[in-house]
């Protein structure tokens, strides 16, 4: 099971590797970008809903999404990339490595 300590390590390593460009940012930016990424992915890329959920302007959200795509070298509208990133964020959150508010 995922609760087995032996099985956690590869998952954490994979997730941290995928999210490394965000995780190495200063704390405030790291939290901001992780939360933006998580909410955007949770909303299946719906900009309007994400803008509302994060209380951001559309231009501010678009800037963050572009920055995230550049940082991660991923297309957040690609279902495979989105799934992998959501898995990584949720795995780190479940395993207590990050906290998404």
PDB file of N, CA and C in Angstrom:
ATOM      1  N   UNK A   1       0.836  -1.201   0.000  1.00  0.00           N
ATOM      2  CA  UNK A   1       0.000   0.000   0.000  1.00  0.00           C
ATOM      3  C   UNK A   1       0.867   1.245   0.000  1.00  0.00           C
ATOM      4  N   UNK A   2       0.246   2.379  -0.276  1.00  0.00           N
ATOM      5  CA  UNK A   2       0.970   3.652  -0.323  1.00  0.00           C
ATOM      6  C   UNK A   2       1.468   4.061   1.065  1.00  0.00           C
ATOM      7  N   UNK A   3       0.879   3.512   2.114  1.00  0.00           N
ATOM      8  CA  UNK A   3       1.291   3.856   3.473  1.00  0.00           C
ATOM      9  C   UNK A   3       2.583   3.171   3.893  1.00  0.00           C
ATOM     10  N   UNK A   4       2.995   2.176   3.166  1.00  0.00           N
ATOM     11  CA  UNK A   4       4.250   1.496   3.445  1.00  0.00           C
ATOM     12  C   UNK A   4       5.396   2.470   3.195  1.00  0.00           C
ATOM     13  N   UNK A   5       6.234   2.716   4.181  1.00  0.00           N
ATOM     14  CA  UNK A   5       7.326   3.695   4.077  1.00  0.00           C
ATOM     15  C   UNK A   5       8.235   3.399   2.892  1.00  0.00           C
ATOM     16  N   UNK A   6       8.426   2.134   2.584  1.00  0.00           N
ATOM     17  CA  UNK A   6       9.281   1.752   1.464  1.00  0.00           C
ATOM     18  C   UNK A   6       8.703   2.241   0.134  1.00  0.00           C
ATOM     19  N   UNK A   7       7.391   2.237   0.017  1.00  0.00           N
ATOM     20  CA  UNK A   7       6.741   2.650  -1.222  1.00  0.00           C
ATOM     21  C   UNK A   7       6.618   4.165  -1.359  1.00  0.00           C
ATOM     22  N   UNK A   8       6.690   4.887  -0.258  1.00  0.00           N
ATOM     23  CA  UNK A   8       6.537   6.344  -0.290  1.00  0.00           C
ATOM     24  C   UNK A   8       7.706   7.029  -0.989  1.00  0.00           C
ATOM     25  N   UNK A   9       8.911   6.535  -0.745  1.00  0.00           N
ATOM     26  CA  UNK A   9      10.103   7.217  -1.229  1.00  0.00           C
ATOM     27  C   UNK A   9      10.102   7.456  -2.737  1.00  0.00           C
ATOM     28  N   UNK A  10       9.854   6.441  -3.577  1.00  0.00           N
ATOM     29  CA  UNK A  10       9.870   6.703  -5.022  1.00  0.00           C
ATOM     30  C   UNK A  10       8.796   7.696  -5.458  1.00  0.00           C
ATOM     31  N   UNK A  11       7.655   7.655  -4.807  1.00  0.00           N
ATOM     32  CA  UNK A  11       6.573   8.586  -5.151  1.00  0.00           C
ATOM     33  C   UNK A  11       6.988  10.008  -4.803  1.00  0.00           C
ATOM     34  N   UNK A  12       7.536  10.191  -3.607  1.00  0.00           N
ATOM     35  CA  UNK A  12       7.993  11.516  -3.185  1.00  0.00           C
ATOM     36  C   UNK A  12       9.096  12.013  -4.114  1.00  0.00           C
ATOM     37  N   UNK A  13      10.037  11.145  -4.446  1.00  0.00           N
ATOM     38  CA  UNK A  13      11.141  11.531  -5.333  1.00  0.00           C
ATOM     39  C   UNK A  13      10.621  11.955  -6.701  1.00  0.00           C
ATOM     40  N   UNK A  14       9.702  11.185  -7.265  1.00  0.00           N
ATOM     41  CA  UNK A  14       9.120  11.518  -8.564  1.00  0.00           C
ATOM     42  C   UNK A  14       8.392  12.855  -8.498  1.00  0.00           C
ATOM     43  N   UNK A  15       7.552  13.015  -7.494  1.00  0.00           N
ATOM     44  CA  UNK A  15       6.762  14.241  -7.360  1.00  0.00           C
ATOM     45  C   UNK A  15       7.665  15.454  -7.163  1.00  0.00           C
ATOM     46  N   UNK A  16       8.667  15.319  -6.314  1.00  0.00           N
ATOM     47  CA  UNK A  16       9.582  16.439  -6.074  1.00  0.00           C
ATOM     48  C   UNK A  16      10.392  16.764  -7.324  1.00  0.00           C
ATOM     49  N   UNK A  17      10.734  15.740  -8.092  1.00  0.00           N
ATOM     50  CA  UNK A  17      11.470  15.971  -9.338  1.00  0.00           C
ATOM     51  C   UNK A  17      10.605  16.753 -10.332  1.00  0.00           C
ATOM     52  N   UNK A  18       9.356  16.327 -10.481  1.00  0.00           N
ATOM     53  CA  UNK A  18       8.447  16.983 -11.427  1.00  0.00           C
ATOM     54  C   UNK A  18       8.143  18.429 -11.023  1.00  0.00           C
ATOM     55  N   UNK A  19       8.028  18.664  -9.733  1.00  0.00           N
ATOM     56  CA  UNK A  19       7.645  19.991  -9.233  1.00  0.00           C
ATOM     57  C   UNK A  19       8.854  20.819  -8.770  1.00  0.00           C
ATOM     58  N   UNK A  20      10.061  20.313  -8.986  1.00  0.00           N
ATOM     59  CA  UNK A  20      11.275  20.966  -8.487  1.00  0.00           C
ATOM     60  C   UNK A  20      11.369  22.463  -8.816  1.00  0.00           C
ATOM     61  N   UNK A  21      11.053  22.877 -10.069  1.00  0.00           N
ATOM     62  CA  UNK A  21      11.158  24.321 -10.355  1.00  0.00           C
ATOM     63  C   UNK A  21      10.274  25.186  -9.460  1.00  0.00           C
ATOM     64  N   UNK A  22       9.151  24.649  -9.009  1.00  0.00           N
ATOM     65  CA  UNK A  22       8.275  25.397  -8.091  1.00  0.00           C
ATOM     66  C   UNK A  22       8.783  25.263  -6.660  1.00  0.00           C
ATOM     67  N   UNK A  23       9.156  24.054  -6.279  1.00  0.00           N
ATOM     68  CA  UNK A  23       9.565  23.787  -4.893  1.00  0.00           C
ATOM     69  C   UNK A  23      10.826  24.532  -4.485  1.00  0.00           C
ATOM     70  N   UNK A  24      11.658  24.920  -5.464  1.00  0.00           N
ATOM     71  CA  UNK A  24      12.893  25.625  -5.111  1.00  0.00           C
ATOM     72  C   UNK A  24      12.716  27.146  -5.063  1.00  0.00           C
ATOM     73  N   UNK A  25      11.502  27.627  -5.333  1.00  0.00           N
ATOM     74  CA  UNK A  25      11.226  29.066  -5.234  1.00  0.00           C
ATOM     75  C   UNK A  25      11.190  29.483  -3.767  1.00  0.00           C
ATOM     76  N   UNK A  26      11.293  30.789  -3.535  1.00  0.00           N
ATOM     77  CA  UNK A  26      11.134  31.298  -2.176  1.00  0.00           C
ATOM     78  C   UNK A  26       9.745  30.915  -1.677  1.00  0.00           C
ATOM     79  N   UNK A  27       9.615  30.752  -0.369  1.00  0.00           N
ATOM     80  CA  UNK A  27       8.403  30.190   0.248  1.00  0.00           C
ATOM     81  C   UNK A  27       7.108  30.835  -0.252  1.00  0.00           C
ATOM     82  N   UNK A  28       7.021  32.159  -0.261  1.00  0.00           N
ATOM     83  CA  UNK A  28       5.783  32.833  -0.662  1.00  0.00           C
ATOM     84  C   UNK A  28       5.417  32.512  -2.113  1.00  0.00           C
ATOM     85  N   UNK A  29       6.403  32.541  -3.003  1.00  0.00           N
ATOM     86  CA  UNK A  29       6.166  32.230  -4.420  1.00  0.00           C
ATOM     87  C   UNK A  29       5.829  30.761  -4.600  1.00  0.00           C
ATOM     88  N   UNK A  30       6.511  29.901  -3.845  1.00  0.00           N
ATOM     89  CA  UNK A  30       6.264  28.465  -3.919  1.00  0.00           C
ATOM     90  C   UNK A  30       4.801  28.171  -3.574  1.00  0.00           C
ATOM     91  N   UNK A  31       4.337  28.718  -2.470  1.00  0.00           N
ATOM     92  CA  UNK A  31       2.954  28.516  -2.023  1.00  0.00           C
ATOM     93  C   UNK A  31       1.981  29.068  -3.066  1.00  0.00           C
ATOM     94  N   UNK A  32       2.253  30.272  -3.552  1.00  0.00           N
ATOM     95  CA  UNK A  32       1.393  30.928  -4.537  1.00  0.00           C
ATOM     96  C   UNK A  32       1.278  30.089  -5.810  1.00  0.00           C
ATOM     97  N   UNK A  33       2.410  29.636  -6.335  1.00  0.00           N
ATOM     98  CA  UNK A  33       2.403  28.884  -7.586  1.00  0.00           C
ATOM     99  C   UNK A  33       1.827  27.484  -7.414  1.00  0.00           C
ATOM    100  N   UNK A  34       2.120  26.816  -6.300  1.00  0.00           N
ATOM    101  CA  UNK A  34       1.536  25.482  -6.058  1.00  0.00           C
ATOM    102  C   UNK A  34       0.022  25.573  -5.953  1.00  0.00           C
ATOM    103  N   UNK A  35      -0.456  26.572  -5.234  1.00  0.00           N
ATOM    104  CA  UNK A  35      -1.902  26.737  -5.067  1.00  0.00           C
ATOM    105  C   UNK A  35      -2.554  27.062  -6.406  1.00  0.00           C
ATOM    106  N   UNK A  36      -1.939  27.958  -7.180  1.00  0.00           N
ATOM    107  CA  UNK A  36      -2.481  28.308  -8.498  1.00  0.00           C
ATOM    108  C   UNK A  36      -2.543  27.071  -9.385  1.00  0.00           C
ATOM    109  N   UNK A  37      -1.452  26.314  -9.416  1.00  0.00           N
ATOM    110  CA  UNK A  37      -1.406  25.105 -10.234  1.00  0.00           C
ATOM    111  C   UNK A  37      -2.481  24.118  -9.801  1.00  0.00           C
ATOM    112  N   UNK A  38      -2.582  23.896  -8.503  1.00  0.00           N
ATOM    113  CA  UNK A  38      -3.555  22.936  -7.975  1.00  0.00           C
ATOM    114  C   UNK A  38      -4.988  23.343  -8.323  1.00  0.00           C
ATOM    115  N   UNK A  39      -5.333  24.594  -8.085  1.00  0.00           N
ATOM    116  CA  UNK A  39      -6.704  25.062  -8.342  1.00  0.00           C
ATOM    117  C   UNK A  39      -6.999  25.024  -9.842  1.00  0.00           C
ATOM    118  N   UNK A  40      -6.046  25.441 -10.669  1.00  0.00           N
ATOM    119  CA  UNK A  40      -6.221  25.418 -12.119  1.00  0.00           C
ATOM    120  C   UNK A  40      -6.466  23.984 -12.614  1.00  0.00           C
ATOM    121  N   UNK A  41      -5.659  23.048 -12.118  1.00  0.00           N
ATOM    122  CA  UNK A  41      -5.813  21.651 -12.532  1.00  0.00           C
ATOM    123  C   UNK A  41      -7.121  21.063 -11.991  1.00  0.00           C
ATOM    124  N   UNK A  42      -7.458  21.410 -10.751  1.00  0.00           N
ATOM    125  CA  UNK A  42      -8.710  20.929 -10.139  1.00  0.00           C
ATOM    126  C   UNK A  42      -9.922  21.405 -10.935  1.00  0.00           C
ATOM    127  N   UNK A  43      -9.792  22.603 -11.504  1.00  0.00           N
ATOM    128  CA  UNK A  43     -10.874  23.181 -12.306  1.00  0.00           C
ATOM    129  C   UNK A  43     -10.779  22.788 -13.783  1.00  0.00           C
ATOM    130  N   UNK A  44      -9.965  21.784 -14.073  1.00  0.00           N
ATOM    131  CA  UNK A  44      -9.795  21.295 -15.450  1.00  0.00           C
ATOM    132  C   UNK A  44      -9.439  22.405 -16.438  1.00  0.00           C
ATOM    133  N   UNK A  45      -8.615  23.345 -15.991  1.00  0.00           N
ATOM    134  CA  UNK A  45      -8.151  24.409 -16.874  1.00  0.00           C
ATOM    135  C   UNK A  45      -9.162  25.518 -17.114  1.00  0.00           C
ATOM    136  N   UNK A  46     -10.226  25.557 -16.330  1.00  0.00           N
ATOM    137  CA  UNK A  46     -11.233  26.600 -16.492  1.00  0.00           C
ATOM    138  C   UNK A  46     -10.699  27.901 -15.879  1.00  0.00           C
ATOM    139  N   UNK A  47     -10.359  28.857 -16.754  1.00  0.00           N
ATOM    140  CA  UNK A  47      -9.762  30.116 -16.291  1.00  0.00           C
ATOM    141  C   UNK A  47     -10.728  30.930 -15.441  1.00  0.00           C
ATOM    142  N   UNK A  48     -11.997  30.998 -15.857  1.00  0.00           N
ATOM    143  CA  UNK A  48     -12.979  31.790 -15.112  1.00  0.00           C
ATOM    144  C   UNK A  48     -13.137  31.287 -13.678  1.00  0.00           C
ATOM    145  N   UNK A  49     -13.297  29.976 -13.535  1.00  0.00           N
ATOM    146  CA  UNK A  49     -13.486  29.392 -12.204  1.00  0.00           C
ATOM    147  C   UNK A  49     -12.231  29.569 -11.357  1.00  0.00           C
ATOM    148  N   UNK A  50     -11.065  29.366 -11.978  1.00  0.00           N
ATOM    149  CA  UNK A  50      -9.800  29.507 -11.255  1.00  0.00           C
ATOM    150  C   UNK A  50      -9.596  30.949 -10.812  1.00  0.00           C
ATOM    151  N   UNK A  51      -9.915  31.885 -11.690  1.00  0.00           N
ATOM    152  CA  UNK A  51      -9.815  33.315 -11.386  1.00  0.00           C
ATOM    153  C   UNK A  51     -10.688  33.630 -10.165  1.00  0.00           C
ATOM    154  N   UNK A  52     -11.905  33.107 -10.169  1.00  0.00           N
ATOM    155  CA  UNK A  52     -12.835  33.319  -9.064  1.00  0.00           C
ATOM    156  C   UNK A  52     -12.303  32.680  -7.775  1.00  0.00           C
ATOM    157  N   UNK A  53     -11.874  31.413  -7.869  1.00  0.00           N
ATOM    158  CA  UNK A  53     -11.408  30.676  -6.686  1.00  0.00           C
ATOM    159  C   UNK A  53     -10.189  31.329  -6.041  1.00  0.00           C
ATOM    160  N   UNK A  54      -9.323  31.922  -6.858  1.00  0.00           N
ATOM    161  CA  UNK A  54      -8.083  32.524  -6.342  1.00  0.00           C
ATOM    162  C   UNK A  54      -8.201  34.029  -6.114  1.00  0.00           C
ATOM    163  N   UNK A  55      -9.368  34.608  -6.452  1.00  0.00           N
ATOM    164  CA  UNK A  55      -9.572  36.061  -6.360  1.00  0.00           C
ATOM    165  C   UNK A  55      -8.480  36.811  -7.115  1.00  0.00           C
ATOM    166  N   UNK A  56      -8.261  36.391  -8.348  1.00  0.00           N
ATOM    167  CA  UNK A  56      -7.242  37.007  -9.201  1.00  0.00           C
ATOM    168  C   UNK A  56      -7.901  37.665 -10.404  1.00  0.00           C
ATOM    169  N   UNK A  57      -7.205  38.632 -10.992  1.00  0.00           N
ATOM    170  CA  UNK A  57      -7.653  39.181 -12.266  1.00  0.00           C
ATOM    171  C   UNK A  57      -7.293  38.174 -13.361  1.00  0.00           C
ATOM    172  N   UNK A  58      -7.955  38.277 -14.503  1.00  0.00           N
ATOM    173  CA  UNK A  58      -7.662  37.362 -15.602  1.00  0.00           C
ATOM    174  C   UNK A  58      -6.205  37.533 -16.050  1.00  0.00           C
ATOM    175  N   UNK A  59      -5.743  38.762 -16.133  1.00  0.00           N
ATOM    176  CA  UNK A  59      -4.355  38.973 -16.581  1.00  0.00           C
ATOM    177  C   UNK A  59      -3.358  38.397 -15.575  1.00  0.00           C
ATOM    178  N   UNK A  60      -3.666  38.511 -14.283  1.00  0.00           N
ATOM    179  CA  UNK A  60      -2.798  37.942 -13.256  1.00  0.00           C
ATOM    180  C   UNK A  60      -2.758  36.426 -13.329  1.00  0.00           C
ATOM    181  N   UNK A  61      -3.921  35.833 -13.571  1.00  0.00           N
ATOM    182  CA  UNK A  61      -3.992  34.376 -13.684  1.00  0.00           C
ATOM    183  C   UNK A  61      -3.259  33.890 -14.928  1.00  0.00           C
ATOM    184  N   UNK A  62      -3.495  34.536 -16.059  1.00  0.00           N
ATOM    185  CA  UNK A  62      -2.837  34.140 -17.309  1.00  0.00           C
ATOM    186  C   UNK A  62      -1.320  34.245 -17.152  1.00  0.00           C
ATOM    187  N   UNK A  63      -0.855  35.301 -16.488  1.00  0.00           N
ATOM    188  CA  UNK A  63       0.582  35.444 -16.232  1.00  0.00           C
ATOM    189  C   UNK A  63       1.101  34.253 -15.430  1.00  0.00           C
ATOM    190  N   UNK A  64       0.393  33.899 -14.362  1.00  0.00           N
ATOM    191  CA  UNK A  64       0.836  32.779 -13.521  1.00  0.00           C
ATOM    192  C   UNK A  64       0.837  31.457 -14.282  1.00  0.00           C
ATOM    193  N   UNK A  65      -0.200  31.231 -15.086  1.00  0.00           N
ATOM    194  CA  UNK A  65      -0.280  29.981 -15.858  1.00  0.00           C
ATOM    195  C   UNK A  65       0.887  29.908 -16.844  1.00  0.00           C
ATOM    196  N   UNK A  66       1.170  31.014 -17.527  1.00  0.00           N
ATOM    197  CA  UNK A  66       2.300  31.036 -18.465  1.00  0.00           C
ATOM    198  C   UNK A  66       3.615  30.807 -17.731  1.00  0.00           C
ATOM    199  N   UNK A  67       3.761  31.425 -16.577  1.00  0.00           N
ATOM    200  CA  UNK A  67       4.969  31.260 -15.765  1.00  0.00           C
ATOM    201  C   UNK A  67       5.114  29.803 -15.315  1.00  0.00           C
ATOM    202  N   UNK A  68       4.018  29.196 -14.887  1.00  0.00           N
ATOM    203  CA  UNK A  68       4.037  27.789 -14.483  1.00  0.00           C
ATOM    204  C   UNK A  68       4.442  26.888 -15.646  1.00  0.00           C
ATOM    205  N   UNK A  69       3.873  27.139 -16.810  1.00  0.00           N
ATOM    206  CA  UNK A  69       4.214  26.329 -17.984  1.00  0.00           C
ATOM    207  C   UNK A  69       5.689  26.474 -18.337  1.00  0.00           C
ATOM    208  N   UNK A  70       6.200  27.695 -18.235  1.00  0.00           N
ATOM    209  CA  UNK A  70       7.626  27.928 -18.504  1.00  0.00           C
ATOM    210  C   UNK A  70       8.504  27.233 -17.461  1.00  0.00           C
ATOM    211  N   UNK A  71       8.160  27.412 -16.192  1.00  0.00           N
ATOM    212  CA  UNK A  71       8.932  26.810 -15.103  1.00  0.00           C
ATOM    213  C   UNK A  71       8.984  25.284 -15.218  1.00  0.00           C
ATOM    214  N   UNK A  72       7.827  24.690 -15.463  1.00  0.00           N
ATOM    215  CA  UNK A  72       7.706  23.234 -15.465  1.00  0.00           C
ATOM    216  C   UNK A  72       7.995  22.602 -16.827  1.00  0.00           C
ATOM    217  N   UNK A  73       8.056  23.450 -17.849  1.00  0.00           N
ATOM    218  CA  UNK A  73       8.228  22.968 -19.222  1.00  0.00           C
ATOM    219  C   UNK A  73       7.127  21.957 -19.575  1.00  0.00           C
ATOM    220  N   UNK A  74       5.897  22.333 -19.209  1.00  0.00           N
ATOM    221  CA  UNK A  74       4.723  21.482 -19.444  1.00  0.00           C
ATOM    222  C   UNK A  74       3.607  22.333 -20.039  1.00  0.00           C
ATOM    223  N   UNK A  75       2.713  21.663 -20.763  1.00  0.00           N
ATOM    224  CA  UNK A  75       1.516  22.301 -21.272  1.00  0.00           C
ATOM    225  C   UNK A  75       0.377  21.937 -20.328  1.00  0.00           C
ATOM    226  N   UNK A  76      -0.102  22.901 -19.563  1.00  0.00           N
ATOM    227  CA  UNK A  76      -1.122  22.620 -18.553  1.00  0.00           C
ATOM    228  C   UNK A  76      -2.482  22.270 -19.151  1.00  0.00           C
ATOM    229  N   UNK A  77      -2.622  22.434 -20.453  1.00  0.00           N
ATOM    230  CA  UNK A  77      -3.875  22.046 -21.113  1.00  0.00           C
ATOM    231  C   UNK A  77      -3.771  20.648 -21.730  1.00  0.00           C
ATOM    232  N   UNK A  78      -2.605  20.054 -21.597  1.00  0.00           N
ATOM    233  CA  UNK A  78      -2.396  18.681 -22.066  1.00  0.00           C
ATOM    234  C   UNK A  78      -2.849  17.742 -20.956  1.00  0.00           C
ATOM    235  N   UNK A  79      -3.755  16.833 -21.262  1.00  0.00           N
ATOM    236  CA  UNK A  79      -4.341  15.994 -20.212  1.00  0.00           C
ATOM    237  C   UNK A  79      -3.298  15.121 -19.520  1.00  0.00           C
ATOM    238  N   UNK A  80      -2.318  14.618 -20.259  1.00  0.00           N
ATOM    239  CA  UNK A  80      -1.282  13.774 -19.653  1.00  0.00           C
ATOM    240  C   UNK A  80      -0.443  14.602 -18.674  1.00  0.00           C
ATOM    241  N   UNK A  81      -0.010  15.780 -19.102  1.00  0.00           N
ATOM    242  CA  UNK A  81       0.770  16.665 -18.226  1.00  0.00           C
ATOM    243  C   UNK A  81      -0.049  17.064 -16.999  1.00  0.00           C
ATOM    244  N   UNK A  82      -1.299  17.426 -17.215  1.00  0.00           N
ATOM    245  CA  UNK A  82      -2.173  17.844 -16.108  1.00  0.00           C
ATOM    246  C   UNK A  82      -2.361  16.722 -15.097  1.00  0.00           C
ATOM    247  N   UNK A  83      -2.620  15.516 -15.602  1.00  0.00           N
ATOM    248  CA  UNK A  83      -2.816  14.369 -14.716  1.00  0.00           C
ATOM    249  C   UNK A  83      -1.565  14.116 -13.882  1.00  0.00           C
ATOM    250  N   UNK A  84      -0.395  14.114 -14.540  1.00  0.00           N
ATOM    251  CA  UNK A  84       0.860  13.852 -13.834  1.00  0.00           C
ATOM    252  C   UNK A  84       1.125  14.901 -12.760  1.00  0.00           C
ATOM    253  N   UNK A  85       0.897  16.160 -13.086  1.00  0.00           N
ATOM    254  CA  UNK A  85       1.138  17.234 -12.121  1.00  0.00           C
ATOM    255  C   UNK A  85       0.158  17.163 -10.952  1.00  0.00           C
ATOM    256  N   UNK A  86      -1.097  16.867 -11.232  1.00  0.00           N
ATOM    257  CA  UNK A  86      -2.093  16.746 -10.163  1.00  0.00           C
ATOM    258  C   UNK A  86      -1.727  15.574  -9.258  1.00  0.00           C
ATOM    259  N   UNK A  87      -1.312  14.462  -9.856  1.00  0.00           N
ATOM    260  CA  UNK A  87      -0.876  13.305  -9.068  1.00  0.00           C
ATOM    261  C   UNK A  87       0.281  13.703  -8.146  1.00  0.00           C
ATOM    262  N   UNK A  88       1.247  14.430  -8.693  1.00  0.00           N
ATOM    263  CA  UNK A  88       2.422  14.832  -7.907  1.00  0.00           C
ATOM    264  C   UNK A  88       2.035  15.739  -6.741  1.00  0.00           C
ATOM    265  N   UNK A  89       1.211  16.732  -7.014  1.00  0.00           N
ATOM    266  CA  UNK A  89       0.784  17.655  -5.956  1.00  0.00           C
ATOM    267  C   UNK A  89       0.015  16.899  -4.874  1.00  0.00           C
ATOM    268  N   UNK A  90      -0.938  16.087  -5.291  1.00  0.00           N
ATOM    269  CA  UNK A  90      -1.757  15.367  -4.309  1.00  0.00           C
ATOM    270  C   UNK A  90      -0.934  14.352  -3.528  1.00  0.00           C
ATOM    271  N   UNK A  91       0.013  13.699  -4.187  1.00  0.00           N
ATOM    272  CA  UNK A  91       0.872  12.741  -3.480  1.00  0.00           C
ATOM    273  C   UNK A  91       1.678  13.458  -2.412  1.00  0.00           C
ATOM    274  N   UNK A  92       2.285  14.594  -2.760  1.00  0.00           N
ATOM    275  CA  UNK A  92       3.075  15.344  -1.780  1.00  0.00           C
ATOM    276  C   UNK A  92       2.204  15.853  -0.637  1.00  0.00           C
ATOM    277  N   UNK A  93       0.981  16.248  -0.969  1.00  0.00           N
ATOM    278  CA  UNK A  93       0.080  16.740   0.074  1.00  0.00           C
ATOM    279  C   UNK A  93      -0.341  15.598   1.003  1.00  0.00           C
ATOM    280  N   UNK A  94      -0.744  14.476   0.431  1.00  0.00           N
ATOM    281  CA  UNK A  94      -1.179  13.321   1.231  1.00  0.00           C
ATOM    282  C   UNK A  94      -0.047  12.817   2.123  1.00  0.00           C
ATOM    283  N   UNK A  95       1.168  12.833   1.585  1.00  0.00           N
ATOM    284  CA  UNK A  95       2.320  12.321   2.336  1.00  0.00           C
ATOM    285  C   UNK A  95       2.945  13.376   3.249  1.00  0.00           C
ATOM    286  N   UNK A  96       2.300  14.544   3.335  1.00  0.00           N
ATOM    287  CA  UNK A  96       2.729  15.569   4.285  1.00  0.00           C
ATOM    288  C   UNK A  96       3.944  16.371   3.868  1.00  0.00           C
ATOM    289  N   UNK A  97       4.263  16.369   2.575  1.00  0.00           N
ATOM    290  CA  UNK A  97       5.439  17.091   2.088  1.00  0.00           C
ATOM    291  C   UNK A  97       5.131  18.557   1.751  1.00  0.00           C
ATOM    292  N   UNK A  98       3.907  18.830   1.337  1.00  0.00           N
ATOM    293  CA  UNK A  98       3.468  20.192   1.039  1.00  0.00           C
ATOM    294  C   UNK A  98       2.072  20.379   1.599  1.00  0.00           C
ATOM    295  N   UNK A  99       1.672  21.621   1.723  1.00  0.00           N
ATOM    296  CA  UNK A  99       0.312  21.943   2.190  1.00  0.00           C
ATOM    297  C   UNK A  99      -0.320  22.895   1.202  1.00  0.00           C
ATOM    298  N   UNK A 100      -1.461  22.495   0.650  1.00  0.00           N
ATOM    299  CA  UNK A 100      -2.216  23.348  -0.251  1.00  0.00           C
ATOM    300  C   UNK A 100      -3.414  23.836   0.542  1.00  0.00           C
ATOM    301  N   UNK A 101      -3.551  25.144   0.648  1.00  0.00           N
ATOM    302  CA  UNK A 101      -4.627  25.719   1.478  1.00  0.00           C
ATOM    303  C   UNK A 101      -5.974  25.595   0.803  1.00  0.00           C
TER     304      UNK A 101
END
